[in-house]
N, C-alpha and C. Protein backbone atom coordinates (compact mmCIF):
# COMPACT_ATOMS: atom_id res chain seq x y z
N MET A 1 0.85 -1.18 0.00
CA MET A 1 0.00 0.00 0.00
C MET A 1 0.89 1.24 0.00
N ARG A 2 0.62 2.17 -0.87
CA ARG A 2 1.42 3.37 -1.00
C ARG A 2 0.81 4.51 -0.20
N SER A 3 1.60 5.14 0.62
CA SER A 3 1.15 6.27 1.43
C SER A 3 1.49 7.56 0.71
N LYS A 4 1.00 8.66 1.23
CA LYS A 4 1.27 9.94 0.60
C LYS A 4 1.43 11.04 1.64
N ILE A 5 2.20 12.05 1.25
CA ILE A 5 2.30 13.29 2.02
C ILE A 5 1.88 14.39 1.06
N HIS A 6 0.96 15.21 1.47
CA HIS A 6 0.45 16.28 0.62
C HIS A 6 0.81 17.64 1.20
N VAL A 7 1.20 18.55 0.32
CA VAL A 7 1.43 19.93 0.74
C VAL A 7 0.07 20.58 0.89
N VAL A 8 -0.15 21.23 2.01
CA VAL A 8 -1.40 21.93 2.24
C VAL A 8 -1.27 23.34 1.70
N LYS A 9 -2.12 23.68 0.76
CA LYS A 9 -2.09 25.02 0.19
C LYS A 9 -3.26 25.81 0.76
N ARG A 10 -2.92 26.92 1.34
CA ARG A 10 -3.96 27.79 1.88
C ARG A 10 -4.46 28.67 0.74
N PRO A 11 -5.78 28.73 0.52
CA PRO A 11 -6.28 29.51 -0.62
C PRO A 11 -6.02 31.00 -0.50
N TYR A 12 -6.07 31.51 0.71
CA TYR A 12 -5.86 32.94 0.90
C TYR A 12 -4.88 33.15 2.04
N PRO A 13 -3.62 33.40 1.74
CA PRO A 13 -2.63 33.58 2.80
C PRO A 13 -2.87 34.87 3.57
N ALA A 14 -2.41 34.90 4.81
CA ALA A 14 -2.52 36.10 5.63
C ALA A 14 -1.35 37.02 5.33
N PHE A 15 -1.60 38.31 5.27
CA PHE A 15 -0.55 39.27 4.98
C PHE A 15 -0.49 40.30 6.09
N LYS A 16 0.73 40.72 6.41
CA LYS A 16 0.95 41.65 7.53
C LYS A 16 0.60 43.08 7.17
N SER A 17 0.74 43.43 5.89
CA SER A 17 0.48 44.81 5.51
C SER A 17 -0.11 44.86 4.11
N PHE A 18 -0.59 46.03 3.74
CA PHE A 18 -1.15 46.22 2.41
C PHE A 18 -0.08 46.05 1.35
N ASP A 19 1.15 46.52 1.63
CA ASP A 19 2.25 46.36 0.68
C ASP A 19 2.60 44.90 0.47
N GLU A 20 2.56 44.12 1.55
CA GLU A 20 2.88 42.70 1.43
C GLU A 20 1.85 41.97 0.57
N LEU A 21 0.61 42.45 0.59
CA LEU A 21 -0.42 41.87 -0.26
C LEU A 21 0.01 41.90 -1.72
N PHE A 22 0.62 43.01 -2.13
CA PHE A 22 1.03 43.13 -3.53
C PHE A 22 2.38 42.49 -3.81
N THR A 23 3.29 42.51 -2.86
CA THR A 23 4.60 41.91 -3.14
C THR A 23 4.55 40.39 -3.05
N LYS A 24 3.81 39.86 -2.08
CA LYS A 24 3.74 38.41 -1.92
C LYS A 24 2.41 37.84 -2.39
N GLY A 25 1.34 38.58 -2.18
CA GLY A 25 0.00 38.08 -2.48
C GLY A 25 -0.23 37.79 -3.94
N LEU A 26 0.11 38.73 -4.80
CA LEU A 26 -0.11 38.50 -6.22
C LEU A 26 0.76 37.36 -6.72
N ASN A 27 1.97 37.27 -6.21
CA ASN A 27 2.83 36.17 -6.61
C ASN A 27 2.25 34.83 -6.18
N HIS A 28 1.56 34.81 -5.05
CA HIS A 28 0.92 33.58 -4.57
C HIS A 28 -0.13 33.10 -5.57
N PHE A 29 -0.89 34.04 -6.11
CA PHE A 29 -1.97 33.67 -6.99
C PHE A 29 -1.53 33.41 -8.43
N ILE A 30 -0.49 34.10 -8.89
CA ILE A 30 -0.07 33.91 -10.28
C ILE A 30 1.04 32.89 -10.42
N GLY A 31 1.63 32.44 -9.30
CA GLY A 31 2.61 31.36 -9.33
C GLY A 31 3.93 31.72 -9.97
N SER A 32 4.43 32.92 -9.74
CA SER A 32 5.70 33.32 -10.34
C SER A 32 6.88 32.74 -9.58
N ASP A 33 8.08 32.97 -10.09
CA ASP A 33 9.29 32.49 -9.45
C ASP A 33 9.54 33.13 -8.10
N VAL A 34 8.94 34.28 -7.85
CA VAL A 34 9.13 34.95 -6.57
C VAL A 34 8.57 34.10 -5.44
N VAL A 35 7.48 33.40 -5.70
CA VAL A 35 6.88 32.54 -4.68
C VAL A 35 7.85 31.47 -4.26
N SER A 36 8.53 30.85 -5.22
CA SER A 36 9.46 29.79 -4.86
C SER A 36 10.63 30.32 -4.05
N SER A 37 10.93 31.60 -4.15
CA SER A 37 12.00 32.15 -3.34
C SER A 37 11.54 32.45 -1.91
N VAL A 38 10.24 32.51 -1.68
CA VAL A 38 9.70 32.78 -0.35
C VAL A 38 9.60 31.49 0.46
N LEU A 39 9.18 30.41 -0.16
CA LEU A 39 9.06 29.13 0.52
C LEU A 39 10.25 28.24 0.19
N PRO A 40 10.86 27.65 1.19
CA PRO A 40 12.02 26.79 0.90
C PRO A 40 11.57 25.52 0.17
N PRO A 41 12.38 25.06 -0.78
CA PRO A 41 12.02 23.85 -1.52
C PRO A 41 12.15 22.60 -0.65
N VAL A 42 11.34 21.61 -1.00
CA VAL A 42 11.28 20.37 -0.22
C VAL A 42 11.39 19.18 -1.16
N ASN A 43 12.13 18.16 -0.74
CA ASN A 43 12.15 16.86 -1.41
C ASN A 43 11.54 15.85 -0.45
N VAL A 44 10.71 14.95 -0.99
CA VAL A 44 10.11 13.89 -0.18
C VAL A 44 10.42 12.57 -0.86
N LEU A 45 11.06 11.69 -0.13
CA LEU A 45 11.44 10.37 -0.63
C LEU A 45 10.71 9.31 0.18
N GLU A 46 10.00 8.41 -0.51
CA GLU A 46 9.32 7.32 0.19
C GLU A 46 10.19 6.07 0.15
N THR A 47 10.30 5.44 1.30
CA THR A 47 11.01 4.17 1.43
C THR A 47 10.02 3.15 1.99
N ASP A 48 10.46 1.90 2.11
CA ASP A 48 9.60 0.88 2.71
C ASP A 48 9.28 1.21 4.16
N GLU A 49 10.22 1.88 4.83
CA GLU A 49 10.07 2.19 6.26
C GLU A 49 9.30 3.47 6.55
N GLY A 50 9.27 4.40 5.60
CA GLY A 50 8.61 5.68 5.83
C GLY A 50 8.94 6.70 4.77
N PHE A 51 9.02 7.96 5.20
CA PHE A 51 9.33 9.06 4.30
C PHE A 51 10.53 9.83 4.84
N ASP A 52 11.37 10.29 3.93
CA ASP A 52 12.46 11.20 4.28
C ASP A 52 12.14 12.53 3.62
N LEU A 53 11.98 13.56 4.43
CA LEU A 53 11.66 14.88 3.94
C LEU A 53 12.86 15.78 4.17
N SER A 54 13.32 16.46 3.12
CA SER A 54 14.45 17.39 3.23
C SER A 54 13.99 18.77 2.80
N LEU A 55 14.23 19.76 3.64
CA LEU A 55 13.82 21.13 3.38
C LEU A 55 15.06 22.01 3.39
N VAL A 56 15.29 22.74 2.30
CA VAL A 56 16.47 23.58 2.18
C VAL A 56 16.20 24.92 2.85
N ALA A 57 16.97 25.22 3.91
CA ALA A 57 16.78 26.46 4.66
C ALA A 57 18.13 26.93 5.22
N PRO A 58 19.01 27.44 4.34
CA PRO A 58 20.33 27.86 4.81
C PRO A 58 20.27 29.12 5.67
N GLY A 59 21.25 29.24 6.56
CA GLY A 59 21.37 30.45 7.37
C GLY A 59 20.64 30.40 8.69
N PHE A 60 19.85 29.37 8.93
CA PHE A 60 19.12 29.26 10.18
C PHE A 60 19.96 28.48 11.20
N VAL A 61 19.52 28.49 12.42
CA VAL A 61 20.04 27.61 13.47
C VAL A 61 18.86 26.75 13.91
N LYS A 62 19.15 25.60 14.50
CA LYS A 62 18.07 24.67 14.80
C LYS A 62 17.01 25.27 15.74
N GLU A 63 17.41 26.23 16.55
CA GLU A 63 16.46 26.86 17.47
C GLU A 63 15.44 27.74 16.75
N ASP A 64 15.70 28.11 15.49
CA ASP A 64 14.76 28.93 14.72
C ASP A 64 13.53 28.14 14.29
N PHE A 65 13.61 26.81 14.28
CA PHE A 65 12.53 25.98 13.75
C PHE A 65 11.52 25.60 14.81
N ASN A 66 10.27 25.56 14.39
CA ASN A 66 9.17 25.09 15.22
C ASN A 66 8.41 24.07 14.38
N LEU A 67 8.44 22.80 14.80
CA LEU A 67 7.76 21.73 14.09
C LEU A 67 6.64 21.22 14.97
N THR A 68 5.44 21.13 14.39
CA THR A 68 4.29 20.65 15.15
C THR A 68 3.48 19.67 14.30
N VAL A 69 2.83 18.74 14.97
CA VAL A 69 1.86 17.85 14.33
C VAL A 69 0.54 18.06 15.05
N LYS A 70 -0.47 18.42 14.27
CA LYS A 70 -1.81 18.61 14.83
C LYS A 70 -2.77 17.86 13.93
N LYS A 71 -3.42 16.89 14.50
CA LYS A 71 -4.29 15.97 13.75
C LYS A 71 -3.47 15.34 12.65
N ASP A 72 -3.78 15.60 11.41
CA ASP A 72 -3.05 14.96 10.31
C ASP A 72 -2.19 15.95 9.54
N GLU A 73 -1.78 17.05 10.19
CA GLU A 73 -0.96 18.06 9.52
C GLU A 73 0.37 18.28 10.24
N LEU A 74 1.44 18.25 9.47
CA LEU A 74 2.78 18.57 9.97
C LEU A 74 3.09 19.99 9.53
N THR A 75 3.43 20.85 10.46
CA THR A 75 3.77 22.24 10.14
C THR A 75 5.23 22.48 10.49
N ILE A 76 5.96 23.02 9.52
CA ILE A 76 7.35 23.41 9.71
C ILE A 76 7.39 24.92 9.59
N GLU A 77 7.87 25.57 10.64
CA GLU A 77 7.88 27.03 10.67
C GLU A 77 9.23 27.52 11.18
N ALA A 78 9.69 28.59 10.58
CA ALA A 78 10.90 29.26 11.07
C ALA A 78 10.58 30.75 11.15
N ILE A 79 10.78 31.30 12.31
CA ILE A 79 10.48 32.71 12.52
C ILE A 79 11.78 33.46 12.72
N VAL A 80 11.97 34.49 11.92
CA VAL A 80 13.18 35.30 11.99
C VAL A 80 12.81 36.66 12.56
N THR A 81 13.51 37.05 13.59
CA THR A 81 13.30 38.39 14.12
C THR A 81 14.09 39.36 13.25
N GLU A 82 13.71 40.59 13.25
CA GLU A 82 14.37 41.60 12.43
C GLU A 82 15.85 41.72 12.78
N GLU A 83 16.67 41.74 11.74
CA GLU A 83 18.10 41.94 11.95
C GLU A 83 18.36 43.40 12.28
N LYS A 84 19.27 43.63 13.20
CA LYS A 84 19.66 45.00 13.49
C LYS A 84 20.66 45.44 12.43
N VAL A 85 20.39 46.56 11.82
CA VAL A 85 21.26 47.07 10.77
C VAL A 85 22.20 48.11 11.36
N ASP A 86 23.47 47.88 11.19
CA ASP A 86 24.48 48.83 11.65
C ASP A 86 24.49 50.02 10.69
N GLU A 87 24.19 51.18 11.21
CA GLU A 87 24.12 52.39 10.38
C GLU A 87 25.46 52.75 9.76
N LYS A 88 26.56 52.27 10.36
CA LYS A 88 27.89 52.58 9.84
C LYS A 88 28.24 51.74 8.62
N VAL A 89 27.57 50.61 8.45
CA VAL A 89 27.86 49.71 7.33
C VAL A 89 27.03 50.15 6.13
N LYS A 90 27.70 50.37 5.02
CA LYS A 90 27.02 50.79 3.79
C LYS A 90 27.21 49.70 2.74
N TYR A 91 26.12 49.03 2.41
CA TYR A 91 26.18 47.98 1.39
C TYR A 91 26.13 48.61 0.00
N ASN A 92 26.89 48.08 -0.93
CA ASN A 92 26.74 48.43 -2.33
C ASN A 92 25.56 47.68 -2.92
N ARG A 93 25.39 46.46 -2.44
CA ARG A 93 24.29 45.62 -2.89
C ARG A 93 24.01 44.60 -1.78
N ARG A 94 22.74 44.37 -1.49
CA ARG A 94 22.36 43.40 -0.46
C ARG A 94 21.15 42.63 -0.97
N GLU A 95 21.37 41.37 -1.34
CA GLU A 95 20.31 40.59 -1.97
C GLU A 95 19.78 39.45 -1.12
N PHE A 96 20.50 39.03 -0.10
CA PHE A 96 20.00 37.88 0.65
C PHE A 96 19.83 38.23 2.12
N ARG A 97 18.88 37.50 2.69
CA ARG A 97 18.60 37.59 4.11
C ARG A 97 17.70 36.41 4.48
N LYS A 98 17.68 36.09 5.75
CA LYS A 98 16.79 35.02 6.21
C LYS A 98 15.37 35.55 6.20
N GLN A 99 14.44 34.69 5.79
CA GLN A 99 13.02 35.07 5.82
C GLN A 99 12.23 34.03 6.59
N SER A 100 11.28 34.50 7.36
CA SER A 100 10.39 33.57 8.05
C SER A 100 9.57 32.81 7.02
N PHE A 101 9.21 31.58 7.36
CA PHE A 101 8.36 30.80 6.48
C PHE A 101 7.55 29.82 7.29
N LYS A 102 6.52 29.29 6.64
CA LYS A 102 5.68 28.27 7.25
C LYS A 102 5.19 27.36 6.14
N ARG A 103 5.46 26.06 6.29
CA ARG A 103 5.01 25.06 5.32
C ARG A 103 4.22 24.01 6.07
N THR A 104 3.11 23.59 5.49
CA THR A 104 2.26 22.60 6.12
C THR A 104 2.06 21.43 5.16
N PHE A 105 2.14 20.22 5.72
CA PHE A 105 2.00 19.00 4.95
C PHE A 105 0.92 18.13 5.58
N ARG A 106 0.04 17.60 4.75
CA ARG A 106 -0.98 16.68 5.24
C ARG A 106 -0.37 15.28 5.28
N LEU A 107 -0.46 14.64 6.43
CA LEU A 107 0.13 13.33 6.62
C LEU A 107 -0.90 12.23 6.38
N ASP A 108 -0.46 11.18 5.74
CA ASP A 108 -1.29 10.01 5.53
C ASP A 108 -1.56 9.36 6.89
N HIS A 109 -2.69 8.69 7.03
CA HIS A 109 -3.03 8.05 8.31
C HIS A 109 -2.11 6.89 8.66
N LEU A 110 -1.29 6.44 7.70
CA LEU A 110 -0.37 5.34 7.95
C LEU A 110 0.98 5.79 8.49
N ILE A 111 1.17 7.09 8.70
CA ILE A 111 2.42 7.61 9.24
C ILE A 111 2.34 7.66 10.76
N ASN A 112 3.40 7.19 11.39
CA ASN A 112 3.48 7.19 12.85
C ASN A 112 3.96 8.56 13.31
N SER A 113 3.04 9.45 13.57
CA SER A 113 3.41 10.84 13.92
C SER A 113 4.09 10.93 15.28
N GLU A 114 3.97 9.90 16.12
CA GLU A 114 4.62 9.89 17.42
C GLU A 114 6.14 9.68 17.30
N ALA A 115 6.60 9.16 16.17
CA ALA A 115 8.01 8.79 16.03
C ALA A 115 8.77 9.64 15.01
N ILE A 116 8.24 10.80 14.65
CA ILE A 116 8.91 11.67 13.68
C ILE A 116 10.19 12.23 14.30
N LEU A 117 11.27 12.19 13.53
CA LEU A 117 12.57 12.71 13.97
C LEU A 117 12.99 13.85 13.05
N ALA A 118 13.74 14.83 13.60
CA ALA A 118 14.22 15.96 12.81
C ALA A 118 15.65 16.30 13.20
N ALA A 119 16.41 16.71 12.17
CA ALA A 119 17.79 17.16 12.39
C ALA A 119 18.08 18.26 11.38
N TYR A 120 18.90 19.24 11.79
CA TYR A 120 19.27 20.35 10.92
C TYR A 120 20.79 20.38 10.80
N GLU A 121 21.27 20.26 9.56
CA GLU A 121 22.71 20.24 9.34
C GLU A 121 23.02 20.79 7.96
N ASN A 122 24.02 21.66 7.90
CA ASN A 122 24.49 22.24 6.64
C ASN A 122 23.38 22.89 5.82
N GLY A 123 22.45 23.57 6.49
CA GLY A 123 21.40 24.30 5.80
C GLY A 123 20.22 23.47 5.34
N ILE A 124 20.18 22.20 5.74
CA ILE A 124 19.08 21.33 5.33
C ILE A 124 18.41 20.73 6.56
N LEU A 125 17.11 20.94 6.66
CA LEU A 125 16.32 20.34 7.73
C LEU A 125 15.83 18.98 7.21
N LYS A 126 16.21 17.91 7.91
CA LYS A 126 15.84 16.56 7.48
C LYS A 126 14.89 15.95 8.50
N LEU A 127 13.78 15.45 8.00
CA LEU A 127 12.80 14.78 8.85
C LEU A 127 12.64 13.34 8.40
N THR A 128 12.49 12.46 9.38
CA THR A 128 12.19 11.07 9.11
C THR A 128 10.78 10.83 9.64
N LEU A 129 9.89 10.42 8.74
CA LEU A 129 8.50 10.17 9.09
C LEU A 129 8.24 8.67 8.91
N PRO A 130 8.36 7.89 9.97
CA PRO A 130 8.20 6.43 9.83
C PRO A 130 6.74 6.04 9.62
N LYS A 131 6.58 4.95 8.88
CA LYS A 131 5.24 4.40 8.68
C LYS A 131 4.89 3.53 9.88
N LYS A 132 3.60 3.38 10.13
CA LYS A 132 3.14 2.45 11.15
C LYS A 132 3.47 1.04 10.67
N GLU A 133 3.60 0.12 11.60
CA GLU A 133 4.00 -1.25 11.27
C GLU A 133 3.11 -1.88 10.19
N GLU A 134 1.81 -1.65 10.27
CA GLU A 134 0.89 -2.27 9.31
C GLU A 134 1.03 -1.69 7.89
N ALA A 135 1.70 -0.54 7.76
CA ALA A 135 1.86 0.08 6.45
C ALA A 135 3.19 -0.26 5.78
N LYS A 136 4.11 -0.83 6.55
CA LYS A 136 5.43 -1.14 5.99
C LYS A 136 5.33 -2.28 5.00
N ALA A 137 6.12 -2.18 3.95
CA ALA A 137 6.13 -3.23 2.93
C ALA A 137 6.68 -4.52 3.53
N ILE A 138 6.04 -5.59 3.19
CA ILE A 138 6.49 -6.89 3.67
C ILE A 138 7.46 -7.45 2.64
N ASN A 139 8.68 -7.69 3.07
CA ASN A 139 9.71 -8.26 2.21
C ASN A 139 10.15 -9.57 2.82
N LYS A 140 9.71 -10.64 2.24
CA LYS A 140 10.14 -11.94 2.73
C LYS A 140 10.21 -12.92 1.56
N GLU A 141 11.05 -13.87 1.73
CA GLU A 141 11.21 -14.89 0.70
C GLU A 141 10.29 -16.06 1.03
N ILE A 142 9.60 -16.56 0.03
CA ILE A 142 8.70 -17.68 0.21
C ILE A 142 9.31 -18.89 -0.47
N LYS A 143 9.50 -19.93 0.29
CA LYS A 143 10.10 -21.14 -0.26
C LYS A 143 9.02 -22.01 -0.91
N VAL A 144 9.38 -22.57 -2.02
CA VAL A 144 8.48 -23.48 -2.73
C VAL A 144 8.70 -24.87 -2.16
N MET A 145 7.62 -25.55 -1.79
CA MET A 145 7.70 -26.90 -1.21
C MET A 145 7.49 -27.94 -2.28
């Protein structure tokens, strides 16, 4: 039996300001490349034992992440407080910074949410989502008599 993990898409995201509605909101609805720069990309690999989820989020520390499971949804969130800008430092160009994000995934009922593990290393958050025993693939050799 094949299990699935689904990305939960919110039809109308919440915005902090009127300006953010136009900078992020329109991109949410038209699906431009700007949206992909706001949400970190994710790879999900299914194995016989469960799922391996990798989320690319460089520049964070493990304390920045908040992972929760509520009912059948796994939420991965990183909240970044505003960086203090040194007035003496003058950038010629500044293109990158950490951004807060929140991604939600719908978990299949065959995933053991009690045993989910997470680790953050080299800018990648890795989660192991094991399947319940009854969902694991049975691999055994059958002898012919």
